[in-house]
Amino acid sequence: MKKVSLILILMLSISAFAQDRKQERKQDHKMDKVEMSADEMATLRTKKMALKLDLTEEQQARLKTLFTEEATYQKTMKAQHRELRKDTATWNQNRFAIKNARLDHQKEMQEKIRTILTPEQFETWKASADRSGKKMKMKQKNKY
């Protein structure tokens, strides 16, 4: 009986310790998140695309200006959404309009990117964007 109780106490203490470590890691990760400027975000995104798609200098310059505009737009929309979410009733009423506007903006961005990239580069970019979107959805599903 003593052995069973000792094993039980040991297992409970290990599980409690493991949960504490998990919480610490989550908090550390949140603290590592640093807000980047629109230009920094655009530069990183452009360089990633340049590595994947072998872009010319002109394409990189055009994409950087496009991504700078996009990052600025995203920051303003994030601030607006944060304000709307404070009032749940307003958020629920405007939810369809917000999602519809977001999808329209994504279509516009895709068309702008299509004009900058060659057809082969666009297909490669589209395939990688689709994979990234699926990964994000899976992360969101597994988050809860």
N, C-alpha and C. Protein backbone atom coordinates (compact mmCIF):
# COMPACT_ATOMS: atom_id res chain seq x y z
N MET A 1 0.82 -1.18 0.00
CA MET A 1 0.00 0.00 0.00
C MET A 1 0.87 1.25 0.00
N LYS A 2 1.97 1.22 0.76
CA LYS A 2 2.87 2.37 0.80
C LYS A 2 3.49 2.62 -0.57
N LYS A 3 3.84 1.56 -1.27
CA LYS A 3 4.45 1.71 -2.58
C LYS A 3 3.46 2.34 -3.57
N VAL A 4 2.20 1.91 -3.50
CA VAL A 4 1.19 2.44 -4.41
C VAL A 4 0.98 3.93 -4.13
N SER A 5 0.90 4.30 -2.87
CA SER A 5 0.69 5.71 -2.54
C SER A 5 1.92 6.54 -2.92
N LEU A 6 3.09 6.00 -2.75
CA LEU A 6 4.32 6.70 -3.14
C LEU A 6 4.36 6.93 -4.65
N ILE A 7 4.01 5.91 -5.42
CA ILE A 7 3.98 6.03 -6.88
C ILE A 7 2.93 7.06 -7.30
N LEU A 8 1.79 7.04 -6.66
CA LEU A 8 0.72 7.98 -6.98
C LEU A 8 1.15 9.42 -6.70
N ILE A 9 1.78 9.66 -5.57
CA ILE A 9 2.27 11.00 -5.22
C ILE A 9 3.34 11.45 -6.21
N LEU A 10 4.22 10.55 -6.57
CA LEU A 10 5.28 10.86 -7.54
C LEU A 10 4.69 11.23 -8.90
N MET A 11 3.70 10.50 -9.36
CA MET A 11 3.09 10.79 -10.67
C MET A 11 2.35 12.12 -10.64
N LEU A 12 1.67 12.43 -9.56
CA LEU A 12 0.96 13.71 -9.46
C LEU A 12 1.94 14.88 -9.45
N SER A 13 3.04 14.73 -8.75
CA SER A 13 4.01 15.83 -8.71
C SER A 13 4.67 16.05 -10.08
N ILE A 14 4.93 14.98 -10.80
CA ILE A 14 5.53 15.10 -12.14
C ILE A 14 4.56 15.79 -13.09
N SER A 15 3.29 15.40 -13.05
CA SER A 15 2.32 16.01 -13.97
C SER A 15 2.11 17.49 -13.64
N ALA A 16 2.11 17.85 -12.37
CA ALA A 16 1.95 19.26 -11.99
C ALA A 16 3.16 20.07 -12.46
N PHE A 17 4.34 19.50 -12.33
CA PHE A 17 5.56 20.18 -12.78
C PHE A 17 5.55 20.37 -14.29
N ALA A 18 5.08 19.38 -15.03
CA ALA A 18 5.04 19.47 -16.49
C ALA A 18 4.07 20.56 -16.93
N GLN A 19 2.95 20.71 -16.25
CA GLN A 19 1.98 21.75 -16.62
C GLN A 19 2.55 23.14 -16.37
N ASP A 20 3.29 23.31 -15.31
CA ASP A 20 3.90 24.60 -15.02
C ASP A 20 4.88 24.99 -16.12
N ARG A 21 5.66 24.05 -16.59
CA ARG A 21 6.64 24.32 -17.64
C ARG A 21 5.94 24.74 -18.94
N LYS A 22 4.80 24.09 -19.23
CA LYS A 22 4.07 24.40 -20.44
C LYS A 22 3.56 25.84 -20.40
N GLN A 23 3.06 26.27 -19.27
CA GLN A 23 2.58 27.64 -19.12
C GLN A 23 3.73 28.64 -19.28
N GLU A 24 4.89 28.32 -18.73
CA GLU A 24 6.05 29.21 -18.85
C GLU A 24 6.45 29.38 -20.31
N ARG A 25 6.44 28.29 -21.08
CA ARG A 25 6.82 28.36 -22.48
C ARG A 25 5.85 29.24 -23.26
N LYS A 26 4.55 29.14 -22.97
CA LYS A 26 3.57 29.98 -23.66
C LYS A 26 3.82 31.44 -23.38
N GLN A 27 4.10 31.79 -22.13
CA GLN A 27 4.33 33.18 -21.78
C GLN A 27 5.63 33.69 -22.41
N ASP A 28 6.66 32.88 -22.45
CA ASP A 28 7.92 33.28 -23.07
C ASP A 28 7.71 33.56 -24.55
N HIS A 29 6.90 32.73 -25.20
CA HIS A 29 6.66 32.90 -26.63
C HIS A 29 5.92 34.21 -26.89
N LYS A 30 4.97 34.56 -26.05
CA LYS A 30 4.24 35.82 -26.21
C LYS A 30 5.16 37.01 -26.03
N MET A 31 6.12 36.89 -25.15
CA MET A 31 7.02 38.01 -24.89
C MET A 31 8.02 38.19 -26.04
N ASP A 32 8.31 37.11 -26.78
CA ASP A 32 9.25 37.20 -27.90
C ASP A 32 8.65 37.93 -29.09
N LYS A 33 7.32 38.01 -29.16
CA LYS A 33 6.66 38.64 -30.29
C LYS A 33 6.92 40.14 -30.27
N VAL A 34 7.54 40.63 -31.33
CA VAL A 34 7.88 42.04 -31.43
C VAL A 34 7.12 42.62 -32.62
N GLU A 35 6.56 43.79 -32.44
CA GLU A 35 5.83 44.45 -33.50
C GLU A 35 6.82 45.03 -34.52
N MET A 36 6.67 44.63 -35.78
CA MET A 36 7.55 45.11 -36.84
C MET A 36 6.85 46.23 -37.60
N SER A 37 7.65 47.08 -38.21
CA SER A 37 7.09 48.14 -39.03
C SER A 37 6.62 47.54 -40.36
N ALA A 38 5.82 48.30 -41.09
CA ALA A 38 5.30 47.84 -42.38
C ALA A 38 6.44 47.58 -43.36
N ASP A 39 7.45 48.44 -43.33
CA ASP A 39 8.58 48.28 -44.25
C ASP A 39 9.38 47.02 -43.93
N GLU A 40 9.57 46.73 -42.65
CA GLU A 40 10.31 45.52 -42.26
C GLU A 40 9.55 44.27 -42.69
N MET A 41 8.23 44.29 -42.46
CA MET A 41 7.41 43.14 -42.85
C MET A 41 7.48 42.92 -44.36
N ALA A 42 7.39 44.02 -45.12
CA ALA A 42 7.43 43.93 -46.58
C ALA A 42 8.78 43.42 -47.06
N THR A 43 9.85 43.87 -46.45
CA THR A 43 11.19 43.43 -46.84
C THR A 43 11.34 41.93 -46.63
N LEU A 44 10.92 41.44 -45.47
CA LEU A 44 11.05 40.01 -45.20
C LEU A 44 10.20 39.18 -46.15
N ARG A 45 8.98 39.63 -46.38
CA ARG A 45 8.08 38.88 -47.27
C ARG A 45 8.64 38.87 -48.70
N THR A 46 9.18 39.98 -49.14
CA THR A 46 9.75 40.05 -50.49
C THR A 46 10.96 39.14 -50.62
N LYS A 47 11.82 39.13 -49.61
CA LYS A 47 13.01 38.27 -49.67
C LYS A 47 12.64 36.79 -49.68
N LYS A 48 11.60 36.42 -48.91
CA LYS A 48 11.16 35.02 -48.92
C LYS A 48 10.65 34.63 -50.30
N MET A 49 9.89 35.52 -50.92
CA MET A 49 9.38 35.22 -52.27
C MET A 49 10.52 35.18 -53.28
N ALA A 50 11.51 36.05 -53.11
CA ALA A 50 12.64 36.07 -54.02
C ALA A 50 13.41 34.75 -53.95
N LEU A 51 13.54 34.21 -52.76
CA LEU A 51 14.23 32.93 -52.60
C LEU A 51 13.44 31.79 -53.24
N LYS A 52 12.12 31.80 -53.06
CA LYS A 52 11.30 30.71 -53.59
C LYS A 52 11.12 30.79 -55.10
N LEU A 53 11.00 32.01 -55.64
CA LEU A 53 10.58 32.17 -57.03
C LEU A 53 11.66 32.71 -57.96
N ASP A 54 12.84 33.01 -57.43
CA ASP A 54 13.93 33.55 -58.26
C ASP A 54 13.47 34.81 -59.00
N LEU A 55 13.13 35.83 -58.23
CA LEU A 55 12.59 37.08 -58.77
C LEU A 55 13.69 37.99 -59.31
N THR A 56 13.32 38.82 -60.28
CA THR A 56 14.25 39.83 -60.79
C THR A 56 14.24 41.02 -59.83
N GLU A 57 15.19 41.92 -60.02
CA GLU A 57 15.26 43.12 -59.16
C GLU A 57 14.00 43.97 -59.30
N GLU A 58 13.51 44.11 -60.54
CA GLU A 58 12.30 44.90 -60.77
C GLU A 58 11.10 44.28 -60.06
N GLN A 59 10.97 42.97 -60.17
CA GLN A 59 9.87 42.28 -59.50
C GLN A 59 9.95 42.47 -57.99
N GLN A 60 11.17 42.37 -57.45
CA GLN A 60 11.35 42.54 -56.01
C GLN A 60 10.94 43.95 -55.58
N ALA A 61 11.32 44.95 -56.35
CA ALA A 61 10.98 46.33 -56.00
C ALA A 61 9.47 46.54 -56.04
N ARG A 62 8.81 46.02 -57.08
CA ARG A 62 7.36 46.18 -57.19
C ARG A 62 6.63 45.44 -56.08
N LEU A 63 7.10 44.24 -55.76
CA LEU A 63 6.47 43.47 -54.68
C LEU A 63 6.67 44.14 -53.33
N LYS A 64 7.85 44.72 -53.13
CA LYS A 64 8.11 45.37 -51.85
C LYS A 64 7.15 46.54 -51.63
N THR A 65 6.92 47.35 -52.66
CA THR A 65 5.97 48.46 -52.51
C THR A 65 4.56 47.93 -52.27
N LEU A 66 4.19 46.86 -52.98
CA LEU A 66 2.88 46.26 -52.79
C LEU A 66 2.73 45.71 -51.37
N PHE A 67 3.76 45.02 -50.89
CA PHE A 67 3.69 44.43 -49.55
C PHE A 67 3.75 45.49 -48.45
N THR A 68 4.40 46.60 -48.72
CA THR A 68 4.41 47.70 -47.75
C THR A 68 3.00 48.26 -47.60
N GLU A 69 2.33 48.46 -48.74
CA GLU A 69 0.94 48.92 -48.70
C GLU A 69 0.06 47.91 -47.97
N GLU A 70 0.27 46.64 -48.25
CA GLU A 70 -0.51 45.57 -47.64
C GLU A 70 -0.31 45.53 -46.13
N ALA A 71 0.93 45.66 -45.68
CA ALA A 71 1.21 45.63 -44.25
C ALA A 71 0.56 46.82 -43.54
N THR A 72 0.59 47.98 -44.16
CA THR A 72 -0.05 49.16 -43.59
C THR A 72 -1.56 48.94 -43.51
N TYR A 73 -2.13 48.39 -44.56
CA TYR A 73 -3.56 48.09 -44.59
C TYR A 73 -3.91 47.09 -43.48
N GLN A 74 -3.11 46.06 -43.33
CA GLN A 74 -3.38 45.04 -42.31
C GLN A 74 -3.33 45.63 -40.91
N LYS A 75 -2.38 46.52 -40.67
CA LYS A 75 -2.28 47.14 -39.34
C LYS A 75 -3.51 48.00 -39.04
N THR A 76 -3.98 48.75 -40.03
CA THR A 76 -5.17 49.57 -39.80
C THR A 76 -6.40 48.70 -39.59
N MET A 77 -6.52 47.64 -40.37
CA MET A 77 -7.67 46.75 -40.20
C MET A 77 -7.63 46.04 -38.86
N LYS A 78 -6.46 45.68 -38.42
CA LYS A 78 -6.33 45.02 -37.12
C LYS A 78 -6.78 45.95 -35.99
N ALA A 79 -6.41 47.22 -36.10
CA ALA A 79 -6.83 48.19 -35.09
C ALA A 79 -8.34 48.39 -35.13
N GLN A 80 -8.90 48.46 -36.33
CA GLN A 80 -10.35 48.62 -36.45
C GLN A 80 -11.09 47.42 -35.88
N HIS A 81 -10.60 46.23 -36.18
CA HIS A 81 -11.25 45.02 -35.67
C HIS A 81 -11.15 44.93 -34.16
N ARG A 82 -10.04 45.36 -33.62
CA ARG A 82 -9.88 45.36 -32.17
C ARG A 82 -10.94 46.26 -31.52
N GLU A 83 -11.18 47.42 -32.15
CA GLU A 83 -12.20 48.34 -31.63
C GLU A 83 -13.60 47.74 -31.77
N LEU A 84 -13.87 47.11 -32.91
CA LEU A 84 -15.19 46.52 -33.13
C LEU A 84 -15.47 45.36 -32.18
N ARG A 85 -14.44 44.61 -31.85
CA ARG A 85 -14.62 43.45 -30.98
C ARG A 85 -14.97 43.84 -29.54
N LYS A 86 -14.71 45.08 -29.18
CA LYS A 86 -15.06 45.52 -27.83
C LYS A 86 -16.56 45.46 -27.61
N ASP A 87 -17.33 45.74 -28.65
CA ASP A 87 -18.78 45.65 -28.58
C ASP A 87 -19.22 44.41 -29.36
N THR A 88 -19.59 43.36 -28.66
CA THR A 88 -19.90 42.08 -29.28
C THR A 88 -21.08 42.18 -30.24
N ALA A 89 -22.08 42.94 -29.89
CA ALA A 89 -23.26 43.05 -30.75
C ALA A 89 -22.89 43.67 -32.10
N THR A 90 -22.10 44.72 -32.07
CA THR A 90 -21.67 45.37 -33.31
C THR A 90 -20.80 44.42 -34.12
N TRP A 91 -19.93 43.71 -33.46
CA TRP A 91 -19.05 42.76 -34.15
C TRP A 91 -19.89 41.70 -34.86
N ASN A 92 -20.87 41.15 -34.16
CA ASN A 92 -21.69 40.10 -34.76
C ASN A 92 -22.51 40.62 -35.94
N GLN A 93 -22.97 41.86 -35.87
CA GLN A 93 -23.74 42.44 -36.97
C GLN A 93 -22.87 42.66 -38.20
N ASN A 94 -21.64 43.08 -38.00
CA ASN A 94 -20.75 43.44 -39.11
C ASN A 94 -19.86 42.29 -39.57
N ARG A 95 -20.02 41.14 -38.99
CA ARG A 95 -19.13 40.03 -39.27
C ARG A 95 -19.10 39.63 -40.75
N PHE A 96 -20.29 39.54 -41.37
CA PHE A 96 -20.36 39.18 -42.78
C PHE A 96 -19.67 40.22 -43.63
N ALA A 97 -19.94 41.49 -43.38
CA ALA A 97 -19.35 42.57 -44.17
C ALA A 97 -17.83 42.57 -44.03
N ILE A 98 -17.34 42.32 -42.84
CA ILE A 98 -15.90 42.30 -42.60
C ILE A 98 -15.24 41.16 -43.36
N LYS A 99 -15.82 39.97 -43.27
CA LYS A 99 -15.25 38.82 -43.97
C LYS A 99 -15.32 39.01 -45.49
N ASN A 100 -16.43 39.57 -45.96
CA ASN A 100 -16.59 39.81 -47.39
C ASN A 100 -15.55 40.82 -47.89
N ALA A 101 -15.34 41.88 -47.13
CA ALA A 101 -14.34 42.89 -47.51
C ALA A 101 -12.93 42.29 -47.51
N ARG A 102 -12.65 41.42 -46.54
CA ARG A 102 -11.33 40.78 -46.48
C ARG A 102 -11.10 39.91 -47.71
N LEU A 103 -12.11 39.14 -48.10
CA LEU A 103 -11.96 38.28 -49.28
C LEU A 103 -11.82 39.11 -50.56
N ASP A 104 -12.55 40.20 -50.66
CA ASP A 104 -12.39 41.09 -51.82
C ASP A 104 -10.97 41.64 -51.89
N HIS A 105 -10.46 42.03 -50.74
CA HIS A 105 -9.09 42.56 -50.70
C HIS A 105 -8.08 41.49 -51.10
N GLN A 106 -8.29 40.26 -50.66
CA GLN A 106 -7.39 39.17 -51.03
C GLN A 106 -7.41 38.93 -52.54
N LYS A 107 -8.59 39.01 -53.16
CA LYS A 107 -8.69 38.85 -54.61
C LYS A 107 -7.92 39.96 -55.33
N GLU A 108 -8.05 41.19 -54.84
CA GLU A 108 -7.31 42.31 -55.43
C GLU A 108 -5.81 42.09 -55.33
N MET A 109 -5.35 41.66 -54.16
CA MET A 109 -3.92 41.41 -53.96
C MET A 109 -3.43 40.31 -54.91
N GLN A 110 -4.22 39.27 -55.05
CA GLN A 110 -3.83 38.18 -55.93
C GLN A 110 -3.71 38.66 -57.37
N GLU A 111 -4.61 39.51 -57.81
CA GLU A 111 -4.54 40.04 -59.17
C GLU A 111 -3.32 40.95 -59.34
N LYS A 112 -3.01 41.74 -58.34
CA LYS A 112 -1.83 42.60 -58.41
C LYS A 112 -0.55 41.76 -58.49
N ILE A 113 -0.51 40.70 -57.69
CA ILE A 113 0.66 39.82 -57.70
C ILE A 113 0.76 39.10 -59.05
N ARG A 114 -0.39 38.74 -59.62
CA ARG A 114 -0.41 38.07 -60.92
C ARG A 114 0.22 38.96 -62.00
N THR A 115 -0.01 40.28 -61.91
CA THR A 115 0.56 41.19 -62.92
C THR A 115 2.07 41.34 -62.77
N ILE A 116 2.57 41.14 -61.56
CA ILE A 116 4.00 41.30 -61.32
C ILE A 116 4.79 40.04 -61.68
N LEU A 117 4.26 38.87 -61.35
CA LEU A 117 4.97 37.61 -61.55
C LEU A 117 4.71 37.04 -62.95
N THR A 118 5.62 36.19 -63.39
CA THR A 118 5.40 35.45 -64.63
C THR A 118 4.38 34.36 -64.34
N PRO A 119 3.75 33.79 -65.37
CA PRO A 119 2.75 32.73 -65.12
C PRO A 119 3.32 31.54 -64.34
N GLU A 120 4.55 31.15 -64.63
CA GLU A 120 5.14 30.02 -63.90
C GLU A 120 5.38 30.38 -62.43
N GLN A 121 5.89 31.57 -62.21
CA GLN A 121 6.13 32.02 -60.85
C GLN A 121 4.81 32.14 -60.09
N PHE A 122 3.79 32.63 -60.77
CA PHE A 122 2.49 32.78 -60.10
C PHE A 122 1.93 31.43 -59.68
N GLU A 123 2.03 30.44 -60.54
CA GLU A 123 1.53 29.10 -60.20
C GLU A 123 2.28 28.53 -59.00
N THR A 124 3.59 28.71 -58.98
CA THR A 124 4.40 28.23 -57.85
C THR A 124 3.99 28.95 -56.58
N TRP A 125 3.84 30.28 -56.66
CA TRP A 125 3.43 31.06 -55.51
C TRP A 125 2.05 30.65 -55.01
N LYS A 126 1.13 30.45 -55.94
CA LYS A 126 -0.24 30.06 -55.58
C LYS A 126 -0.25 28.72 -54.87
N ALA A 127 0.53 27.77 -55.36
CA ALA A 127 0.58 26.45 -54.73
C ALA A 127 1.15 26.54 -53.31
N SER A 128 2.20 27.34 -53.13
CA SER A 128 2.78 27.46 -51.80
C SER A 128 1.85 28.24 -50.87
N ALA A 129 1.12 29.21 -51.39
CA ALA A 129 0.17 29.97 -50.58
C ALA A 129 -0.98 29.07 -50.13
N ASP A 130 -1.43 28.19 -51.01
CA ASP A 130 -2.49 27.25 -50.65
C ASP A 130 -2.03 26.30 -49.54
N ARG A 131 -0.80 25.82 -49.64
CA ARG A 131 -0.26 24.94 -48.60
C ARG A 131 -0.15 25.68 -47.27
N SER A 132 0.31 26.93 -47.33
CA SER A 132 0.45 27.72 -46.10
C SER A 132 -0.90 27.96 -45.46
N GLY A 133 -1.91 28.23 -46.27
CA GLY A 133 -3.25 28.44 -45.74
C GLY A 133 -3.80 27.20 -45.06
N LYS A 134 -3.54 26.05 -45.65
CA LYS A 134 -4.01 24.80 -45.04
C LYS A 134 -3.30 24.55 -43.71
N LYS A 135 -2.01 24.86 -43.66
CA LYS A 135 -1.26 24.68 -42.41
C LYS A 135 -1.81 25.58 -41.32
N MET A 136 -2.14 26.83 -41.68
CA MET A 136 -2.69 27.76 -40.69
C MET A 136 -4.03 27.27 -40.17
N LYS A 137 -4.86 26.73 -41.05
CA LYS A 137 -6.16 26.22 -40.61
C LYS A 137 -5.98 25.05 -39.64
N MET A 138 -5.02 24.18 -39.94
CA MET A 138 -4.77 23.06 -39.05
C MET A 138 -4.26 23.51 -37.69
N LYS A 139 -3.41 24.55 -37.68
CA LYS A 139 -2.92 25.08 -36.41
C LYS A 139 -4.06 25.65 -35.59
N GLN A 140 -4.99 26.35 -36.25
CA GLN A 140 -6.12 26.94 -35.56
C GLN A 140 -7.03 25.84 -35.00
N LYS A 141 -7.24 24.76 -35.76
CA LYS A 141 -8.07 23.67 -35.28
C LYS A 141 -7.45 23.00 -34.06
N ASN A 142 -6.14 22.79 -34.11
CA ASN A 142 -5.45 22.09 -33.02
C ASN A 142 -5.21 22.98 -31.81
N LYS A 143 -5.42 24.28 -31.97
CA LYS A 143 -5.15 25.22 -30.89
C LYS A 143 -6.12 25.04 -29.74
N TYR A 144 -7.34 24.64 -30.06
CA TYR A 144 -8.37 24.56 -29.01
C TYR A 144 -8.61 23.17 -28.54
